[in-house]
Amino acid sequence: MNINYNMTNKNKNRQLKEATRFACDMLKESKIIIIILSVISLITLLTGIIVAIKTRNSFSSLNGYGVVDVRTGGLTTSFFTRLFSMLFIALILFGCSFSIYIFPIGVIFLSYRAYLLGLNVCLLIIKYGFSGVVISVIVAFPCQLLALMVLGVFFILMTKTIKDYKCFGGCRVPKQRAKLIVSTAICLSLICIFESVFLVLFSAKFILII
């Protein structure tokens, strides 16, 4: 019984190491794409911040601009809204990874999400002052930035695996692709869960990024 248990753990550890090595190798081979996506996302994120600052009067005067107040409920709805939004973006990125001709569409979606991150976090600070700073720095920005990074890595790895499969075929790549899809969905779900927990702890008001 112990032998079977140990063998199962060894197999799981070996599979985890192989998947990690596979992902790292893929990312190393995609350095140029990573740099380009990072630069574009940084530019759009800063653009969102600048737009929020310049148009703060018009935005701050809007009532309920995507604002969810945890104290008055709506957290469950916002949780599924955020999760479905991330999964929807992941689905679009999955589709855009199949061809170089529609690859830019995926880049646009990632860039737009980075823009919304900068815009909404800055608006949160402008609208709620110190409490907005706390929620932005501790909860909203790190969680949504991590989600953006997960989506970016998913897009890059999926593009690379599909390209390699077209060139070399084989059964290893489709298996790794399936694991990548499942791992991404789990990571995005965990991010939403942790974000929701922190929002409850701080009884926060936040702006949905969808």
Protein backbone atom coordinates (compact mmCIF):
# COMPACT_ATOMS: atom_id res chain seq x y z
CA MET A 1 0.00 0.00 0.00
CA ASN A 2 2.79 2.40 0.94
CA ILE A 3 4.69 1.38 -2.16
CA ASN A 4 1.75 2.26 -4.40
CA TYR A 5 1.30 5.57 -2.59
CA ASN A 6 4.97 6.43 -3.01
CA MET A 7 4.89 5.45 -6.67
CA THR A 8 1.83 7.65 -7.22
CA ASN A 9 3.57 10.63 -5.58
CA LYS A 10 6.70 10.02 -7.65
CA ASN A 11 4.67 9.89 -10.85
CA LYS A 12 2.86 13.12 -9.94
CA ASN A 13 6.14 14.86 -9.09
CA ARG A 14 7.70 13.66 -12.34
CA GLN A 15 4.72 14.87 -14.37
CA LEU A 16 4.82 18.24 -12.60
CA LYS A 17 8.55 18.59 -13.29
CA GLU A 18 8.04 17.65 -16.94
CA ALA A 19 5.21 20.16 -17.33
CA THR A 20 7.26 22.90 -15.64
CA ARG A 21 10.29 22.13 -17.80
CA PHE A 22 8.09 22.10 -20.91
CA ALA A 23 6.62 25.53 -20.05
CA CYS A 24 10.03 27.03 -19.20
CA ASP A 25 11.54 25.77 -22.46
CA MET A 26 8.63 27.21 -24.42
CA LEU A 27 8.95 30.59 -22.72
CA LYS A 28 12.71 30.68 -23.34
CA GLU A 29 12.05 30.13 -27.03
CA SER A 30 9.48 32.95 -27.07
CA LYS A 31 11.60 35.75 -25.57
CA ILE A 32 10.86 38.22 -28.38
CA ILE A 33 7.10 37.72 -28.12
CA ILE A 34 7.27 38.08 -24.33
CA ILE A 35 9.18 41.36 -24.62
CA ILE A 36 6.77 42.74 -27.24
CA LEU A 37 3.68 41.80 -25.21
CA SER A 38 5.21 43.19 -22.02
CA VAL A 39 6.05 46.53 -23.65
CA ILE A 40 2.62 46.86 -25.27
CA SER A 41 0.84 45.95 -22.01
CA LEU A 42 2.95 48.44 -20.05
CA ILE A 43 2.18 51.21 -22.55
CA THR A 44 -1.56 50.52 -22.48
CA LEU A 45 -1.58 50.26 -18.67
CA LEU A 46 0.12 53.66 -18.40
CA THR A 47 -2.30 55.01 -21.01
CA GLY A 48 -5.21 53.92 -18.84
CA ILE A 49 -3.69 55.74 -15.85
CA ILE A 50 -3.16 58.92 -17.89
CA VAL A 51 -6.71 58.81 -19.28
CA ALA A 52 -8.11 58.36 -15.76
CA ILE A 53 -6.14 61.33 -14.46
CA LYS A 54 -7.10 63.61 -17.35
CA THR A 55 -10.79 62.67 -17.30
CA ARG A 56 -11.16 62.15 -13.55
CA ASN A 57 -13.89 64.79 -13.23
CA SER A 58 -16.20 63.16 -15.77
CA PHE A 59 -15.60 59.66 -14.43
CA SER A 60 -15.83 60.56 -10.73
CA SER A 61 -19.19 62.21 -11.33
CA LEU A 62 -20.65 58.98 -12.71
CA ASN A 63 -22.65 57.02 -10.18
CA GLY A 64 -21.99 53.32 -10.12
CA TYR A 65 -19.28 53.21 -12.78
CA GLY A 66 -18.72 49.47 -12.42
CA VAL A 67 -18.48 49.94 -8.63
CA VAL A 68 -19.23 46.97 -6.39
CA ASP A 69 -19.63 47.58 -2.67
CA VAL A 70 -18.88 44.38 -0.76
CA ARG A 71 -20.73 45.67 2.30
CA THR A 72 -24.01 45.83 0.40
CA GLY A 73 -23.64 42.41 -1.24
CA GLY A 74 -22.96 41.55 -4.85
CA LEU A 75 -19.65 39.82 -4.15
CA THR A 76 -20.83 36.45 -5.47
CA THR A 77 -22.10 38.03 -8.66
CA SER A 78 -18.91 40.02 -9.10
CA PHE A 79 -16.82 36.89 -8.48
CA PHE A 80 -18.46 35.01 -11.33
CA THR A 81 -18.41 38.13 -13.50
CA ARG A 82 -14.65 38.48 -13.02
CA LEU A 83 -14.01 34.77 -13.49
CA PHE A 84 -16.16 34.45 -16.62
CA SER A 85 -14.54 37.58 -18.02
CA MET A 86 -11.07 36.07 -17.56
CA LEU A 87 -12.13 32.72 -18.98
CA PHE A 88 -13.75 34.47 -21.94
CA ILE A 89 -10.51 36.33 -22.65
CA ALA A 90 -8.63 33.02 -22.34
CA LEU A 91 -11.03 31.45 -24.85
CA ILE A 92 -10.43 34.30 -27.28
CA LEU A 93 -6.67 33.98 -26.81
CA PHE A 94 -6.94 30.25 -27.43
CA GLY A 95 -8.69 30.91 -30.73
CA CYS A 96 -6.21 33.61 -31.73
CA SER A 97 -3.26 31.29 -31.09
CA PHE A 98 -4.12 29.04 -34.04
CA SER A 99 -2.96 31.45 -36.74
CA ILE A 100 -0.38 34.19 -37.07
CA TYR A 101 -2.96 36.24 -38.97
CA ILE A 102 -5.33 36.51 -36.00
CA PHE A 103 -2.56 36.58 -33.39
CA PRO A 104 -2.72 40.44 -33.25
CA ILE A 105 -6.36 40.21 -32.14
CA GLY A 106 -5.23 38.37 -29.03
CA VAL A 107 -2.61 41.04 -28.42
CA ILE A 108 -5.32 43.70 -28.67
CA PHE A 109 -7.49 41.94 -26.06
CA LEU A 110 -4.55 41.61 -23.66
CA SER A 111 -3.62 45.25 -24.23
CA TYR A 112 -7.17 46.40 -23.65
CA ARG A 113 -7.32 44.49 -20.37
CA ALA A 114 -4.05 46.16 -19.31
CA TYR A 115 -5.59 49.53 -20.24
CA LEU A 116 -8.67 48.80 -18.11
CA LEU A 117 -6.43 47.76 -15.23
CA GLY A 118 -4.62 51.09 -15.26
CA LEU A 119 -7.83 53.06 -15.80
CA ASN A 120 -9.97 51.41 -13.13
CA VAL A 121 -7.28 51.22 -10.45
CA CYS A 122 -6.50 54.90 -10.92
CA LEU A 123 -10.22 55.79 -10.85
CA LEU A 124 -10.58 53.77 -7.65
CA ILE A 125 -7.88 55.90 -6.03
CA ILE A 126 -9.37 59.15 -7.35
CA LYS A 127 -12.90 58.27 -6.25
CA TYR A 128 -12.18 56.87 -2.76
CA GLY A 129 -8.89 58.43 -1.74
CA PHE A 130 -6.93 56.58 0.95
CA SER A 131 -9.26 53.56 1.03
CA GLY A 132 -8.95 53.38 -2.76
CA VAL A 133 -5.16 53.37 -2.45
CA VAL A 134 -5.28 50.53 0.09
CA ILE A 135 -7.60 48.37 -2.01
CA SER A 136 -5.68 49.14 -5.20
CA VAL A 137 -2.21 48.42 -3.79
CA ILE A 138 -3.08 45.39 -1.67
CA VAL A 139 -5.90 43.74 -3.66
CA ALA A 140 -7.02 45.01 -7.04
CA PHE A 141 -3.74 45.81 -8.80
CA PRO A 142 -1.67 42.75 -7.76
CA CYS A 143 -4.52 40.28 -8.34
CA GLN A 144 -5.52 41.68 -11.72
CA LEU A 145 -1.91 42.09 -12.80
CA LEU A 146 -1.27 38.45 -11.90
CA ALA A 147 -4.35 37.43 -13.89
CA LEU A 148 -3.06 39.45 -16.84
CA MET A 149 0.30 37.70 -16.60
CA VAL A 150 -1.38 34.27 -16.46
CA LEU A 151 -3.40 35.12 -19.57
CA GLY A 152 -0.27 36.38 -21.33
CA VAL A 153 1.72 33.24 -20.50
CA PHE A 154 -1.23 31.09 -21.59
CA PHE A 155 -1.40 32.94 -24.93
CA ILE A 156 2.32 32.63 -25.57
CA LEU A 157 2.54 28.96 -24.61
CA MET A 158 -0.58 28.04 -26.57
CA THR A 159 0.74 29.82 -29.67
CA LYS A 160 4.06 28.02 -29.37
CA THR A 161 2.55 24.58 -28.79
CA ILE A 162 0.20 24.89 -31.77
CA LYS A 163 3.06 26.08 -33.96
CA ASP A 164 5.25 23.18 -32.87
CA TYR A 165 2.44 20.69 -33.41
CA LYS A 166 1.94 21.92 -36.96
CA CYS A 167 5.67 21.56 -37.62
CA PHE A 168 6.46 18.30 -35.83
CA GLY A 169 3.17 16.63 -34.88
CA GLY A 170 3.25 13.97 -32.16
CA CYS A 171 1.07 13.25 -29.15
CA ARG A 172 3.11 15.06 -26.48
CA VAL A 173 2.12 18.57 -27.50
CA PRO A 174 -1.68 18.01 -27.39
CA LYS A 175 -1.36 16.53 -23.90
CA GLN A 176 0.68 19.50 -22.71
CA ARG A 177 -1.86 21.81 -24.36
CA ALA A 178 -4.72 20.20 -22.42
CA LYS A 179 -2.76 20.50 -19.18
CA LEU A 180 -2.08 24.15 -19.98
CA ILE A 181 -5.78 24.88 -20.45
CA VAL A 182 -6.72 23.20 -17.18
CA SER A 183 -3.85 24.85 -15.26
CA THR A 184 -4.80 28.29 -16.58
CA ALA A 185 -8.46 27.84 -15.58
CA ILE A 186 -7.40 26.73 -12.09
CA CYS A 187 -4.98 29.67 -11.68
CA LEU A 188 -7.60 32.22 -12.76
CA SER A 189 -10.15 30.67 -10.39
CA LEU A 190 -7.70 30.82 -7.47
CA ILE A 191 -6.88 34.46 -8.25
CA CYS A 192 -10.58 35.35 -8.17
CA ILE A 193 -11.05 33.45 -4.91
CA PHE A 194 -8.11 35.16 -3.17
CA GLU A 195 -9.21 38.54 -4.49
CA SER A 196 -12.73 37.98 -3.17
CA VAL A 197 -11.42 36.93 0.25
CA PHE A 198 -9.32 40.10 0.55
CA LEU A 199 -12.22 42.26 -0.61
CA VAL A 200 -14.40 40.78 2.14
CA LEU A 201 -11.68 41.30 4.76
CA PHE A 202 -11.39 44.98 3.82
CA SER A 203 -15.17 45.45 3.27
CA ALA A 204 -14.05 47.10 0.07
CA LYS A 205 -15.47 49.03 -2.80
CA PHE A 206 -13.89 48.17 -6.11
CA ILE A 207 -14.35 48.60 -9.85
CA LEU A 208 -14.90 45.54 -12.01
CA ILE A 209 -12.33 44.91 -14.73
CA ILE A 210 -14.19 43.04 -17.46
